[in-house]
Amino acid sequence: TYTMPPRITASTGLDALSHALEALMAVNANPLTDALALQSIRIIVKCLPKAYKNGDAESRFGMSLGSLMAGIAFANSWVCLGHALAYSFSVTYKVPHGVSCGLSLPYAFKFNMSAIQHKIQDIAEAMGLFKEIENKEKNLGNLILSKLLNLLSDLNVPMRLKDIGVPENDIDKIANKLLTFTRLIQRNPRNVSEREAHNLIMEMWSGLTIDEYA
């Protein structure tokens, strides 16, 4: 990984982060996979921006370790909605896998937030939101969402489907394709109805704003 260019560093790093966060959200998660996934998130959130900007050896080593931990976690608990969303558009619009997973991750997390409230504080701690945790008036789920969106921005990764050239007329087609990935959706902590699939893709097309969740 030491000679990986920034764009590939961002893409593969976001795939690893998706593995970790989705492993935490998946219904097959257990204490062992949670521990690995949370440590992976701690490492990736710290090292990925540095590996992208500077490419220093310490950050790249951290990304290798974080990716390995995330891989062990999701190999035992699986991924869920985030990857299903990514698969629903990545091939058709020729988007690299890691970029499509990174773009999808905030939307999958937002959709699942109500079903994983018991894990929100642990995720916030893993993402370094210690001061925010102490402020009881803050919505930790929204702050995690803001952290994910800011990371995409820092890595120069698209945050909306319209940014990768998806026509608005294709929203229904993508939503229908999303629902075909039952092996992933059945491992999601929330079921996804036809209406919810449409609303998710519509939201991904129009986009979330960072300031809204800060």
N, C-alpha and C. Protein backbone atom coordinates (compact mmCIF):
# COMPACT_ATOMS: atom_id res chain seq x y z
N THR A 1 0.81 -1.22 0.00
CA THR A 1 0.00 0.00 0.00
C THR A 1 0.84 1.27 0.00
N TYR A 2 2.15 1.17 0.13
CA TYR A 2 2.98 2.37 0.30
C TYR A 2 3.02 3.24 -0.95
N THR A 3 2.81 2.68 -2.11
CA THR A 3 2.88 3.46 -3.35
C THR A 3 1.51 3.75 -3.95
N MET A 4 0.46 3.48 -3.21
CA MET A 4 -0.89 3.68 -3.73
C MET A 4 -1.19 5.17 -3.91
N PRO A 5 -1.70 5.58 -5.07
CA PRO A 5 -2.01 7.00 -5.29
C PRO A 5 -3.20 7.45 -4.45
N PRO A 6 -3.34 8.76 -4.23
CA PRO A 6 -4.38 9.28 -3.34
C PRO A 6 -5.79 8.80 -3.68
N ARG A 7 -6.16 8.82 -4.96
CA ARG A 7 -7.53 8.46 -5.33
C ARG A 7 -7.85 7.02 -4.96
N ILE A 8 -6.90 6.11 -5.17
CA ILE A 8 -7.10 4.70 -4.81
C ILE A 8 -7.05 4.53 -3.29
N THR A 9 -6.21 5.32 -2.64
CA THR A 9 -6.17 5.30 -1.17
C THR A 9 -7.53 5.66 -0.60
N ALA A 10 -8.16 6.69 -1.14
CA ALA A 10 -9.48 7.11 -0.67
C ALA A 10 -10.52 6.02 -0.92
N SER A 11 -10.53 5.48 -2.13
CA SER A 11 -11.53 4.48 -2.50
C SER A 11 -11.42 3.22 -1.64
N THR A 12 -10.23 2.67 -1.53
CA THR A 12 -10.05 1.44 -0.76
C THR A 12 -10.26 1.69 0.73
N GLY A 13 -9.87 2.87 1.19
CA GLY A 13 -10.07 3.21 2.60
C GLY A 13 -11.53 3.32 2.96
N LEU A 14 -12.33 3.90 2.07
CA LEU A 14 -13.76 4.01 2.32
C LEU A 14 -14.44 2.65 2.27
N ASP A 15 -13.95 1.77 1.42
CA ASP A 15 -14.48 0.40 1.40
C ASP A 15 -14.22 -0.27 2.75
N ALA A 16 -13.02 -0.10 3.28
CA ALA A 16 -12.70 -0.69 4.59
C ALA A 16 -13.57 -0.10 5.69
N LEU A 17 -13.78 1.22 5.66
CA LEU A 17 -14.64 1.85 6.66
C LEU A 17 -16.07 1.33 6.54
N SER A 18 -16.53 1.14 5.32
CA SER A 18 -17.87 0.58 5.10
C SER A 18 -17.96 -0.83 5.67
N HIS A 19 -16.92 -1.63 5.46
CA HIS A 19 -16.91 -2.98 6.03
C HIS A 19 -17.09 -2.91 7.55
N ALA A 20 -16.38 -2.00 8.19
CA ALA A 20 -16.42 -1.91 9.65
C ALA A 20 -17.77 -1.43 10.15
N LEU A 21 -18.27 -0.33 9.60
CA LEU A 21 -19.52 0.23 10.10
C LEU A 21 -20.71 -0.66 9.77
N GLU A 22 -20.70 -1.27 8.59
CA GLU A 22 -21.79 -2.18 8.24
C GLU A 22 -21.73 -3.46 9.06
N ALA A 23 -20.53 -3.92 9.41
CA ALA A 23 -20.40 -5.09 10.28
C ALA A 23 -21.03 -4.82 11.64
N LEU A 24 -20.92 -3.58 12.12
CA LEU A 24 -21.56 -3.20 13.38
C LEU A 24 -23.07 -3.16 13.25
N MET A 25 -23.57 -2.71 12.10
CA MET A 25 -25.02 -2.57 11.92
C MET A 25 -25.71 -3.89 11.60
N ALA A 26 -24.99 -4.84 11.03
CA ALA A 26 -25.61 -6.08 10.55
C ALA A 26 -26.24 -6.88 11.69
N VAL A 27 -27.32 -7.57 11.38
CA VAL A 27 -28.04 -8.32 12.42
C VAL A 27 -27.22 -9.49 12.96
N ASN A 28 -26.23 -9.96 12.21
CA ASN A 28 -25.38 -11.06 12.66
C ASN A 28 -24.21 -10.60 13.51
N ALA A 29 -24.13 -9.32 13.81
CA ALA A 29 -23.03 -8.79 14.62
C ALA A 29 -23.02 -9.44 15.99
N ASN A 30 -21.83 -9.57 16.56
CA ASN A 30 -21.69 -10.14 17.90
C ASN A 30 -20.57 -9.39 18.62
N PRO A 31 -20.37 -9.63 19.91
CA PRO A 31 -19.36 -8.86 20.64
C PRO A 31 -17.96 -8.90 20.03
N LEU A 32 -17.57 -10.03 19.45
CA LEU A 32 -16.24 -10.12 18.86
C LEU A 32 -16.13 -9.28 17.59
N THR A 33 -17.13 -9.37 16.71
CA THR A 33 -17.08 -8.57 15.49
C THR A 33 -17.22 -7.09 15.81
N ASP A 34 -18.02 -6.77 16.82
CA ASP A 34 -18.16 -5.36 17.23
C ASP A 34 -16.82 -4.80 17.69
N ALA A 35 -16.09 -5.57 18.49
CA ALA A 35 -14.79 -5.09 19.00
C ALA A 35 -13.82 -4.84 17.86
N LEU A 36 -13.76 -5.74 16.90
CA LEU A 36 -12.88 -5.57 15.75
C LEU A 36 -13.31 -4.38 14.90
N ALA A 37 -14.61 -4.27 14.68
CA ALA A 37 -15.13 -3.19 13.83
C ALA A 37 -14.88 -1.82 14.46
N LEU A 38 -15.11 -1.71 15.76
CA LEU A 38 -14.90 -0.43 16.43
C LEU A 38 -13.43 -0.02 16.41
N GLN A 39 -12.54 -0.97 16.64
CA GLN A 39 -11.11 -0.64 16.58
C GLN A 39 -10.71 -0.26 15.16
N SER A 40 -11.28 -0.94 14.18
CA SER A 40 -11.02 -0.59 12.79
C SER A 40 -11.45 0.85 12.50
N ILE A 41 -12.62 1.23 12.98
CA ILE A 41 -13.10 2.60 12.77
C ILE A 41 -12.16 3.61 13.42
N ARG A 42 -11.71 3.33 14.65
CA ARG A 42 -10.77 4.23 15.33
C ARG A 42 -9.53 4.47 14.47
N ILE A 43 -9.01 3.40 13.92
CA ILE A 43 -7.78 3.50 13.13
C ILE A 43 -8.03 4.22 11.81
N ILE A 44 -9.08 3.83 11.11
CA ILE A 44 -9.34 4.38 9.78
C ILE A 44 -9.67 5.87 9.83
N VAL A 45 -10.50 6.27 10.78
CA VAL A 45 -10.87 7.69 10.89
C VAL A 45 -9.64 8.54 11.16
N LYS A 46 -8.69 8.00 11.91
CA LYS A 46 -7.45 8.73 12.20
C LYS A 46 -6.48 8.71 11.03
N CYS A 47 -6.35 7.55 10.38
CA CYS A 47 -5.27 7.36 9.39
C CYS A 47 -5.64 7.67 7.95
N LEU A 48 -6.91 7.50 7.59
CA LEU A 48 -7.26 7.66 6.18
C LEU A 48 -7.01 9.07 5.64
N PRO A 49 -7.44 10.13 6.34
CA PRO A 49 -7.14 11.47 5.81
C PRO A 49 -5.64 11.73 5.65
N LYS A 50 -4.85 11.23 6.60
CA LYS A 50 -3.39 11.41 6.52
C LYS A 50 -2.80 10.60 5.37
N ALA A 51 -3.25 9.37 5.22
CA ALA A 51 -2.74 8.53 4.13
C ALA A 51 -3.09 9.13 2.78
N TYR A 52 -4.26 9.75 2.71
CA TYR A 52 -4.70 10.38 1.46
C TYR A 52 -3.88 11.63 1.14
N LYS A 53 -3.65 12.46 2.15
CA LYS A 53 -2.96 13.73 1.93
C LYS A 53 -1.44 13.58 1.86
N ASN A 54 -0.87 12.78 2.77
CA ASN A 54 0.58 12.72 2.90
C ASN A 54 1.18 11.40 2.44
N GLY A 55 0.43 10.32 2.58
CA GLY A 55 0.95 9.01 2.20
C GLY A 55 2.08 8.53 3.08
N ASP A 56 2.15 8.99 4.34
CA ASP A 56 3.25 8.60 5.21
C ASP A 56 3.11 7.13 5.61
N ALA A 57 4.23 6.54 5.96
CA ALA A 57 4.28 5.10 6.23
C ALA A 57 3.41 4.71 7.42
N GLU A 58 3.40 5.53 8.46
CA GLU A 58 2.63 5.20 9.66
C GLU A 58 1.13 5.13 9.35
N SER A 59 0.64 6.10 8.60
CA SER A 59 -0.79 6.11 8.25
C SER A 59 -1.14 4.96 7.32
N ARG A 60 -0.26 4.65 6.41
CA ARG A 60 -0.52 3.53 5.49
C ARG A 60 -0.50 2.19 6.23
N PHE A 61 0.41 2.06 7.19
CA PHE A 61 0.41 0.85 8.01
C PHE A 61 -0.91 0.76 8.79
N GLY A 62 -1.35 1.89 9.33
CA GLY A 62 -2.61 1.92 10.05
C GLY A 62 -3.78 1.49 9.18
N MET A 63 -3.79 1.96 7.94
CA MET A 63 -4.87 1.59 7.03
C MET A 63 -4.84 0.09 6.72
N SER A 64 -3.67 -0.49 6.59
CA SER A 64 -3.57 -1.93 6.37
C SER A 64 -4.15 -2.70 7.56
N LEU A 65 -3.81 -2.25 8.76
CA LEU A 65 -4.31 -2.90 9.97
C LEU A 65 -5.82 -2.71 10.11
N GLY A 66 -6.28 -1.47 9.90
CA GLY A 66 -7.71 -1.19 10.00
C GLY A 66 -8.53 -1.97 8.99
N SER A 67 -8.00 -2.08 7.78
CA SER A 67 -8.69 -2.84 6.74
C SER A 67 -8.77 -4.32 7.10
N LEU A 68 -7.67 -4.86 7.65
CA LEU A 68 -7.66 -6.26 8.05
C LEU A 68 -8.70 -6.52 9.14
N MET A 69 -8.75 -5.65 10.14
CA MET A 69 -9.71 -5.82 11.23
C MET A 69 -11.15 -5.75 10.71
N ALA A 70 -11.40 -4.80 9.83
CA ALA A 70 -12.74 -4.67 9.25
C ALA A 70 -13.09 -5.91 8.44
N GLY A 71 -12.10 -6.45 7.74
CA GLY A 71 -12.34 -7.65 6.94
C GLY A 71 -12.71 -8.85 7.79
N ILE A 72 -12.01 -9.03 8.91
CA ILE A 72 -12.33 -10.13 9.82
C ILE A 72 -13.73 -9.93 10.40
N ALA A 73 -14.06 -8.67 10.73
CA ALA A 73 -15.37 -8.38 11.31
C ALA A 73 -16.49 -8.71 10.33
N PHE A 74 -16.41 -8.19 9.12
CA PHE A 74 -17.55 -8.40 8.21
C PHE A 74 -17.58 -9.82 7.64
N ALA A 75 -16.44 -10.51 7.65
CA ALA A 75 -16.43 -11.91 7.22
C ALA A 75 -17.26 -12.78 8.16
N ASN A 76 -17.45 -12.30 9.39
CA ASN A 76 -18.20 -13.06 10.38
C ASN A 76 -19.58 -12.49 10.69
N SER A 77 -19.83 -11.24 10.32
CA SER A 77 -21.16 -10.67 10.57
C SER A 77 -21.84 -10.17 9.30
N TRP A 78 -21.10 -10.07 8.23
CA TRP A 78 -21.56 -9.60 6.92
C TRP A 78 -21.73 -8.08 6.88
N VAL A 79 -21.88 -7.60 5.64
CA VAL A 79 -22.26 -6.21 5.40
C VAL A 79 -23.76 -6.18 5.12
N CYS A 80 -24.32 -4.99 4.95
CA CYS A 80 -25.78 -4.93 4.81
C CYS A 80 -26.19 -3.84 3.82
N LEU A 81 -26.96 -2.87 4.27
CA LEU A 81 -27.59 -1.91 3.35
C LEU A 81 -26.58 -1.08 2.56
N GLY A 82 -25.49 -0.68 3.18
CA GLY A 82 -24.54 0.17 2.48
C GLY A 82 -24.03 -0.46 1.19
N HIS A 83 -23.65 -1.72 1.27
CA HIS A 83 -23.16 -2.40 0.07
C HIS A 83 -24.29 -2.66 -0.92
N ALA A 84 -25.49 -2.93 -0.43
CA ALA A 84 -26.63 -3.10 -1.34
C ALA A 84 -26.88 -1.83 -2.13
N LEU A 85 -26.82 -0.69 -1.45
CA LEU A 85 -26.97 0.60 -2.14
C LEU A 85 -25.87 0.78 -3.18
N ALA A 86 -24.64 0.47 -2.79
CA ALA A 86 -23.51 0.65 -3.72
C ALA A 86 -23.67 -0.22 -4.96
N TYR A 87 -24.05 -1.47 -4.77
CA TYR A 87 -24.21 -2.38 -5.90
C TYR A 87 -25.34 -1.95 -6.83
N SER A 88 -26.28 -1.18 -6.32
CA SER A 88 -27.45 -0.82 -7.13
C SER A 88 -27.12 0.20 -8.23
N PHE A 89 -25.95 0.85 -8.13
CA PHE A 89 -25.61 1.84 -9.16
C PHE A 89 -24.17 1.77 -9.66
N SER A 90 -23.28 1.10 -8.95
CA SER A 90 -21.85 1.21 -9.26
C SER A 90 -21.48 0.68 -10.64
N VAL A 91 -22.01 -0.47 -11.01
CA VAL A 91 -21.64 -1.05 -12.31
C VAL A 91 -22.24 -0.25 -13.46
N THR A 92 -23.52 0.08 -13.34
CA THR A 92 -24.21 0.81 -14.42
C THR A 92 -23.53 2.13 -14.73
N TYR A 93 -23.10 2.84 -13.69
CA TYR A 93 -22.54 4.18 -13.90
C TYR A 93 -21.01 4.20 -13.76
N LYS A 94 -20.42 3.00 -13.74
CA LYS A 94 -18.95 2.86 -13.76
C LYS A 94 -18.27 3.62 -12.62
N VAL A 95 -18.77 3.38 -11.41
CA VAL A 95 -18.21 4.01 -10.21
C VAL A 95 -17.37 2.97 -9.47
N PRO A 96 -16.13 3.27 -9.11
CA PRO A 96 -15.31 2.31 -8.36
C PRO A 96 -16.02 1.83 -7.10
N HIS A 97 -15.78 0.58 -6.75
CA HIS A 97 -16.50 -0.04 -5.63
C HIS A 97 -16.36 0.77 -4.34
N GLY A 98 -15.13 1.15 -4.00
CA GLY A 98 -14.92 1.89 -2.75
C GLY A 98 -15.60 3.24 -2.74
N VAL A 99 -15.61 3.92 -3.89
CA VAL A 99 -16.29 5.21 -3.99
C VAL A 99 -17.79 5.03 -3.83
N SER A 100 -18.35 4.01 -4.47
CA SER A 100 -19.79 3.78 -4.36
C SER A 100 -20.18 3.41 -2.93
N CYS A 101 -19.32 2.64 -2.25
CA CYS A 101 -19.58 2.30 -0.85
C CYS A 101 -19.47 3.53 0.05
N GLY A 102 -18.45 4.35 -0.20
CA GLY A 102 -18.29 5.57 0.59
C GLY A 102 -19.45 6.52 0.41
N LEU A 103 -19.89 6.71 -0.82
CA LEU A 103 -21.03 7.57 -1.11
C LEU A 103 -22.28 7.05 -0.40
N SER A 104 -22.46 5.74 -0.38
CA SER A 104 -23.68 5.13 0.17
C SER A 104 -23.69 5.10 1.69
N LEU A 105 -22.52 5.08 2.32
CA LEU A 105 -22.44 4.82 3.76
C LEU A 105 -23.23 5.80 4.63
N PRO A 106 -23.14 7.12 4.41
CA PRO A 106 -23.92 8.03 5.26
C PRO A 106 -25.42 7.78 5.16
N TYR A 107 -25.90 7.45 3.97
CA TYR A 107 -27.33 7.23 3.77
C TYR A 107 -27.78 5.94 4.44
N ALA A 108 -26.96 4.90 4.36
CA ALA A 108 -27.27 3.64 5.04
C ALA A 108 -27.27 3.84 6.55
N PHE A 109 -26.28 4.58 7.06
CA PHE A 109 -26.21 4.84 8.49
C PHE A 109 -27.43 5.64 8.95
N LYS A 110 -27.79 6.67 8.21
CA LYS A 110 -28.94 7.50 8.57
C LYS A 110 -30.22 6.66 8.60
N PHE A 111 -30.39 5.79 7.61
CA PHE A 111 -31.58 4.95 7.55
C PHE A 111 -31.64 4.00 8.74
N ASN A 112 -30.49 3.46 9.14
CA ASN A 112 -30.44 2.46 10.21
C ASN A 112 -30.32 3.04 11.60
N MET A 113 -30.16 4.34 11.72
CA MET A 113 -29.84 4.95 13.01
C MET A 113 -30.82 4.54 14.12
N SER A 114 -32.09 4.54 13.81
CA SER A 114 -33.09 4.23 14.84
C SER A 114 -33.00 2.79 15.33
N ALA A 115 -32.43 1.91 14.51
CA ALA A 115 -32.35 0.49 14.86
C ALA A 115 -31.06 0.13 15.59
N ILE A 116 -30.11 1.05 15.66
CA ILE A 116 -28.82 0.74 16.29
C ILE A 116 -28.49 1.76 17.39
N GLN A 117 -29.51 2.30 18.04
CA GLN A 117 -29.29 3.31 19.06
C GLN A 117 -28.37 2.81 20.17
N HIS A 118 -28.41 1.51 20.46
CA HIS A 118 -27.58 0.95 21.53
C HIS A 118 -26.09 0.92 21.17
N LYS A 119 -25.76 1.20 19.90
CA LYS A 119 -24.37 1.20 19.47
C LYS A 119 -23.86 2.60 19.11
N ILE A 120 -24.74 3.58 19.14
CA ILE A 120 -24.37 4.93 18.67
C ILE A 120 -23.23 5.52 19.49
N GLN A 121 -23.28 5.40 20.82
CA GLN A 121 -22.23 6.01 21.63
C GLN A 121 -20.88 5.34 21.37
N ASP A 122 -20.87 4.02 21.22
CA ASP A 122 -19.62 3.32 20.92
C ASP A 122 -19.04 3.78 19.58
N ILE A 123 -19.90 3.96 18.59
CA ILE A 123 -19.44 4.43 17.27
C ILE A 123 -18.90 5.85 17.38
N ALA A 124 -19.61 6.70 18.14
CA ALA A 124 -19.16 8.08 18.33
C ALA A 124 -17.78 8.12 18.99
N GLU A 125 -17.59 7.29 20.01
CA GLU A 125 -16.29 7.23 20.67
C GLU A 125 -15.21 6.77 19.70
N ALA A 126 -15.52 5.76 18.89
CA ALA A 126 -14.54 5.26 17.92
C ALA A 126 -14.17 6.33 16.90
N MET A 127 -15.09 7.23 16.63
CA MET A 127 -14.83 8.31 15.67
C MET A 127 -14.20 9.53 16.31
N GLY A 128 -13.92 9.44 17.60
CA GLY A 128 -13.23 10.53 18.28
C GLY A 128 -14.10 11.68 18.72
N LEU A 129 -15.40 11.45 18.85
CA LEU A 129 -16.33 12.52 19.22
C LEU A 129 -16.50 12.60 20.73
N PHE A 130 -15.40 12.70 21.47
CA PHE A 130 -15.44 12.63 22.93
C PHE A 130 -16.12 13.85 23.56
N LYS A 131 -15.78 15.04 23.10
CA LYS A 131 -16.40 16.25 23.65
C LYS A 131 -17.89 16.27 23.35
N GLU A 132 -18.25 15.81 22.17
CA GLU A 132 -19.66 15.81 21.78
C GLU A 132 -20.46 14.84 22.65
N ILE A 133 -19.86 13.74 23.05
CA ILE A 133 -20.55 12.76 23.90
C ILE A 133 -20.89 13.38 25.25
N GLU A 134 -20.01 14.23 25.75
CA GLU A 134 -20.24 14.87 27.05
C GLU A 134 -21.37 15.89 26.99
N ASN A 135 -21.64 16.43 25.81
CA ASN A 135 -22.72 17.40 25.65
C ASN A 135 -24.03 16.66 25.40
N LYS A 136 -24.84 16.55 26.43
CA LYS A 136 -26.06 15.74 26.34
C LYS A 136 -27.09 16.32 25.38
N GLU A 137 -26.91 17.59 25.01
CA GLU A 137 -27.86 18.22 24.09
C GLU A 137 -27.57 17.85 22.63
N LYS A 138 -26.41 17.28 22.37
CA LYS A 138 -26.03 16.93 21.00
C LYS A 138 -26.65 15.59 20.59
N ASN A 139 -27.06 15.50 19.34
CA ASN A 139 -27.55 14.24 18.78
C ASN A 139 -26.35 13.50 18.20
N LEU A 140 -25.92 12.45 18.89
CA LEU A 140 -24.70 11.76 18.48
C LEU A 140 -24.83 11.12 17.10
N GLY A 141 -26.01 10.61 16.79
CA GLY A 141 -26.22 10.01 15.47
C GLY A 141 -25.98 11.02 14.37
N ASN A 142 -26.51 12.22 14.55
CA ASN A 142 -26.31 13.27 13.55
C ASN A 142 -24.85 13.69 13.46
N LEU A 143 -24.15 13.70 14.58
CA LEU A 143 -22.74 14.08 14.57
C LEU A 143 -21.89 13.02 13.87
N ILE A 144 -22.24 11.75 14.03
CA ILE A 144 -21.56 10.69 13.28
C ILE A 144 -21.81 10.87 11.79
N LEU A 145 -23.05 11.18 11.45
CA LEU A 145 -23.40 11.42 10.05
C LEU A 145 -22.60 12.58 9.49
N SER A 146 -22.48 13.65 10.26
CA SER A 146 -21.68 14.80 9.83
C SER A 146 -20.22 14.42 9.65
N LYS A 147 -19.70 13.58 10.54
CA LYS A 147 -18.31 13.13 10.44
C LYS A 147 -18.09 12.34 9.14
N LEU A 148 -19.05 11.48 8.79
CA LEU A 148 -18.94 10.70 7.56
C LEU A 148 -18.97 11.61 6.33
N LEU A 149 -19.88 12.59 6.34
CA LEU A 149 -19.99 13.50 5.20
C LEU A 149 -18.73 14.36 5.06
N ASN A 150 -18.20 14.82 6.18
CA ASN A 150 -16.96 15.61 6.14
C ASN A 150 -15.79 14.79 5.62
N LEU A 151 -15.77 13.50 5.98
CA LEU A 151 -14.70 12.64 5.49
C LEU A 151 -14.77 12.50 3.97
N LEU A 152 -15.97 12.30 3.44
CA LEU A 152 -16.12 12.23 1.99
C LEU A 152 -15.64 13.52 1.33
N SER A 153 -15.99 14.65 1.93
CA SER A 153 -15.57 15.94 1.39
C SER A 153 -14.04 16.07 1.41
N ASP A 154 -13.43 15.67 2.52
CA ASP A 154 -11.97 15.76 2.66
C ASP A 154 -11.25 14.88 1.64
N LEU A 155 -11.89 13.77 1.26
CA LEU A 155 -11.28 12.83 0.32
C LEU A 155 -11.69 13.11 -1.13
N ASN A 156 -12.43 14.20 -1.32
CA ASN A 156 -12.88 14.58 -2.67
C ASN A 156 -13.68 13.47 -3.35
N VAL A 157 -14.56 12.85 -2.57
CA VAL A 157 -15.42 11.77 -3.06
C VAL A 157 -16.83 12.32 -3.23
N PRO A 158 -17.52 11.99 -4.32
CA PRO A 158 -18.89 12.49 -4.54
C PRO A 158 -19.81 12.09 -3.38
N MET A 159 -20.74 12.99 -3.06
CA MET A 159 -21.68 12.73 -1.97
C MET A 159 -23.12 12.58 -2.46
N ARG A 160 -23.33 12.71 -3.76
CA ARG A 160 -24.69 12.60 -4.32
C ARG A 160 -24.64 11.80 -5.61
N LEU A 161 -25.73 11.11 -5.91
CA LEU A 161 -25.79 10.37 -7.17
C LEU A 161 -25.76 11.30 -8.37
N LYS A 162 -26.33 12.48 -8.24
CA LYS A 162 -26.29 13.41 -9.37
C LYS A 162 -24.86 13.84 -9.70
N ASP A 163 -23.97 13.77 -8.70
CA ASP A 163 -22.57 14.15 -8.92
C ASP A 163 -21.80 13.14 -9.76
N ILE A 164 -22.34 11.92 -9.87
CA ILE A 164 -21.67 10.90 -10.69
C ILE A 164 -22.42 10.69 -12.01
N GLY A 165 -23.32 11.62 -12.31
CA GLY A 165 -23.99 11.58 -13.61
C GLY A 165 -25.24 10.74 -13.68
N VAL A 166 -25.83 10.40 -12.54
CA VAL A 166 -27.07 9.63 -12.55
C VAL A 166 -28.24 10.55 -12.89
N PRO A 167 -29.00 10.26 -13.94
CA PRO A 167 -30.16 11.08 -14.27
C PRO A 167 -31.28 10.88 -13.24
N GLU A 168 -32.04 11.92 -12.97
CA GLU A 168 -33.14 11.80 -12.02
C GLU A 168 -34.15 10.75 -12.47
N ASN A 169 -34.29 10.58 -13.77
CA ASN A 169 -35.24 9.60 -14.30
C ASN A 169 -34.85 8.15 -13.97
N ASP A 170 -33.62 7.94 -13.53
CA ASP A 170 -33.16 6.58 -13.22
C ASP A 170 -33.39 6.18 -11.77
N ILE A 171 -33.96 7.07 -10.98
CA ILE A 171 -34.13 6.79 -9.55
C ILE A 171 -34.95 5.52 -9.31
N ASP A 172 -36.07 5.38 -10.00
CA ASP A 172 -36.90 4.18 -9.80
C ASP A 172 -36.17 2.92 -10.21
N LYS A 173 -35.41 2.99 -11.29
CA LYS A 173 -34.66 1.82 -11.76
C LYS A 173 -33.63 1.38 -10.73
N ILE A 174 -32.94 2.34 -10.14
CA ILE A 174 -31.94 2.03 -9.12
C ILE A 174 -32.61 1.47 -7.86
N ALA A 175 -33.74 2.07 -7.47
CA ALA A 175 -34.47 1.60 -6.29
C ALA A 175 -34.94 0.16 -6.48
N ASN A 176 -35.42 -0.15 -7.65
CA ASN A 176 -35.86 -1.53 -7.93
C ASN A 176 -34.68 -2.50 -7.88
N LYS A 177 -33.54 -2.07 -8.39
CA LYS A 177 -32.35 -2.93 -8.35
C LYS A 177 -31.89 -3.14 -6.92
N LEU A 178 -31.97 -2.09 -6.10
CA LEU A 178 -31.59 -2.20 -4.70
C LEU A 178 -32.32 -3.35 -4.02
N LEU A 179 -33.60 -3.48 -4.29
CA LEU A 179 -34.42 -4.49 -3.63
C LEU A 179 -34.08 -5.91 -4.06
N THR A 180 -33.29 -6.06 -5.11
CA THR A 180 -32.90 -7.41 -5.55
C THR A 180 -31.77 -7.99 -4.72
N PHE A 181 -31.09 -7.16 -3.96
CA PHE A 181 -29.94 -7.63 -3.17
C PHE A 181 -30.41 -8.13 -1.80
N THR A 182 -31.26 -9.15 -1.84
CA THR A 182 -31.89 -9.65 -0.61
C THR A 182 -30.87 -10.25 0.35
N ARG A 183 -29.78 -10.82 -0.15
CA ARG A 183 -28.78 -11.43 0.73
C ARG A 183 -28.14 -10.39 1.65
N LEU A 184 -28.15 -9.13 1.23
CA LEU A 184 -27.61 -8.05 2.05
C LEU A 184 -28.71 -7.37 2.86
N ILE A 185 -29.85 -7.13 2.24
CA ILE A 185 -30.94 -6.43 2.93
C ILE A 185 -31.47 -7.27 4.09
N GLN A 186 -31.47 -8.60 3.95
CA GLN A 186 -31.98 -9.43 5.04
C GLN A 186 -31.05 -9.40 6.25
N ARG A 187 -29.84 -8.92 6.07
CA ARG A 187 -28.91 -8.78 7.20
C ARG A 187 -28.90 -7.36 7.76
N ASN A 188 -29.75 -6.50 7.20
CA ASN A 188 -29.84 -5.12 7.67
C ASN A 188 -30.73 -5.06 8.91
N PRO A 189 -30.45 -4.18 9.87
CA PRO A 189 -31.27 -4.10 11.08
C PRO A 189 -32.67 -3.53 10.84
N ARG A 190 -32.88 -2.91 9.70
CA ARG A 190 -34.21 -2.43 9.30
C ARG A 190 -34.57 -3.02 7.95
N ASN A 191 -35.82 -3.45 7.82
CA ASN A 191 -36.28 -3.90 6.52
C ASN A 191 -36.41 -2.69 5.59
N VAL A 192 -36.35 -2.92 4.30
CA VAL A 192 -36.45 -1.85 3.31
C VAL A 192 -37.65 -2.13 2.40
N SER A 193 -38.68 -1.31 2.52
CA SER A 193 -39.87 -1.46 1.68
C SER A 193 -39.63 -0.81 0.32
N GLU A 194 -40.54 -1.02 -0.60
CA GLU A 194 -40.42 -0.39 -1.93
C GLU A 194 -40.40 1.13 -1.80
N ARG A 195 -41.29 1.66 -0.98
CA ARG A 195 -41.34 3.12 -0.79
C ARG A 195 -40.04 3.63 -0.16
N GLU A 196 -39.54 2.91 0.83
CA GLU A 196 -38.30 3.33 1.49
C GLU A 196 -37.11 3.25 0.53
N ALA A 197 -37.11 2.24 -0.33
CA ALA A 197 -36.04 2.13 -1.33
C ALA A 197 -36.06 3.34 -2.26
N HIS A 198 -37.25 3.70 -2.71
CA HIS A 198 -37.38 4.88 -3.59
C HIS A 198 -36.91 6.14 -2.85
N ASN A 199 -37.34 6.30 -1.60
CA ASN A 199 -36.97 7.50 -0.84
C ASN A 199 -35.46 7.56 -0.58
N LEU A 200 -34.86 6.40 -0.33
CA LEU A 200 -33.41 6.35 -0.12
C LEU A 200 -32.65 6.81 -1.35
N ILE A 201 -33.02 6.28 -2.50
CA ILE A 201 -32.32 6.65 -3.73
C ILE A 201 -32.59 8.10 -4.10
N MET A 202 -33.79 8.57 -3.85
CA MET A 202 -34.10 9.98 -4.08
C MET A 202 -33.22 10.87 -3.19
N GLU A 203 -33.07 10.47 -1.93
CA GLU A 203 -32.23 11.23 -1.00
C GLU A 203 -30.77 11.20 -1.45
N MET A 204 -30.32 10.04 -1.91
CA MET A 204 -28.94 9.92 -2.40
C MET A 204 -28.73 10.75 -3.66
N TRP A 205 -29.75 10.90 -4.45
CA TRP A 205 -29.62 11.69 -5.68
C TRP A 205 -29.53 13.19 -5.35
N SER A 206 -30.40 13.65 -4.45
CA SER A 206 -30.41 15.08 -4.11
C SER A 206 -29.31 15.43 -3.12
N GLY A 207 -28.96 14.50 -2.22
CA GLY A 207 -27.84 14.69 -1.32
C GLY A 207 -28.19 15.20 0.07
N LEU A 208 -27.29 14.93 1.01
CA LEU A 208 -27.37 15.45 2.37
C LEU A 208 -26.38 16.61 2.49
N THR A 209 -26.71 17.59 3.32
CA THR A 209 -25.80 18.72 3.53
C THR A 209 -25.10 18.58 4.88
N ILE A 210 -23.82 18.86 4.89
CA ILE A 210 -23.03 18.70 6.11
C ILE A 210 -23.56 19.59 7.23
N ASP A 211 -23.89 20.83 6.92
CA ASP A 211 -24.32 21.78 7.95
C ASP A 211 -25.60 21.34 8.65
N GLU A 212 -26.43 20.58 7.95
CA GLU A 212 -27.70 20.14 8.51
C GLU A 212 -27.51 19.22 9.71
N TYR A 213 -26.37 18.53 9.77
CA TYR A 213 -26.15 17.53 10.83
C TYR A 213 -25.00 17.89 11.76
N ALA A 214 -24.44 19.07 11.59
CA ALA A 214 -23.30 19.49 12.42
C ALA A 214 -23.75 19.82 13.84
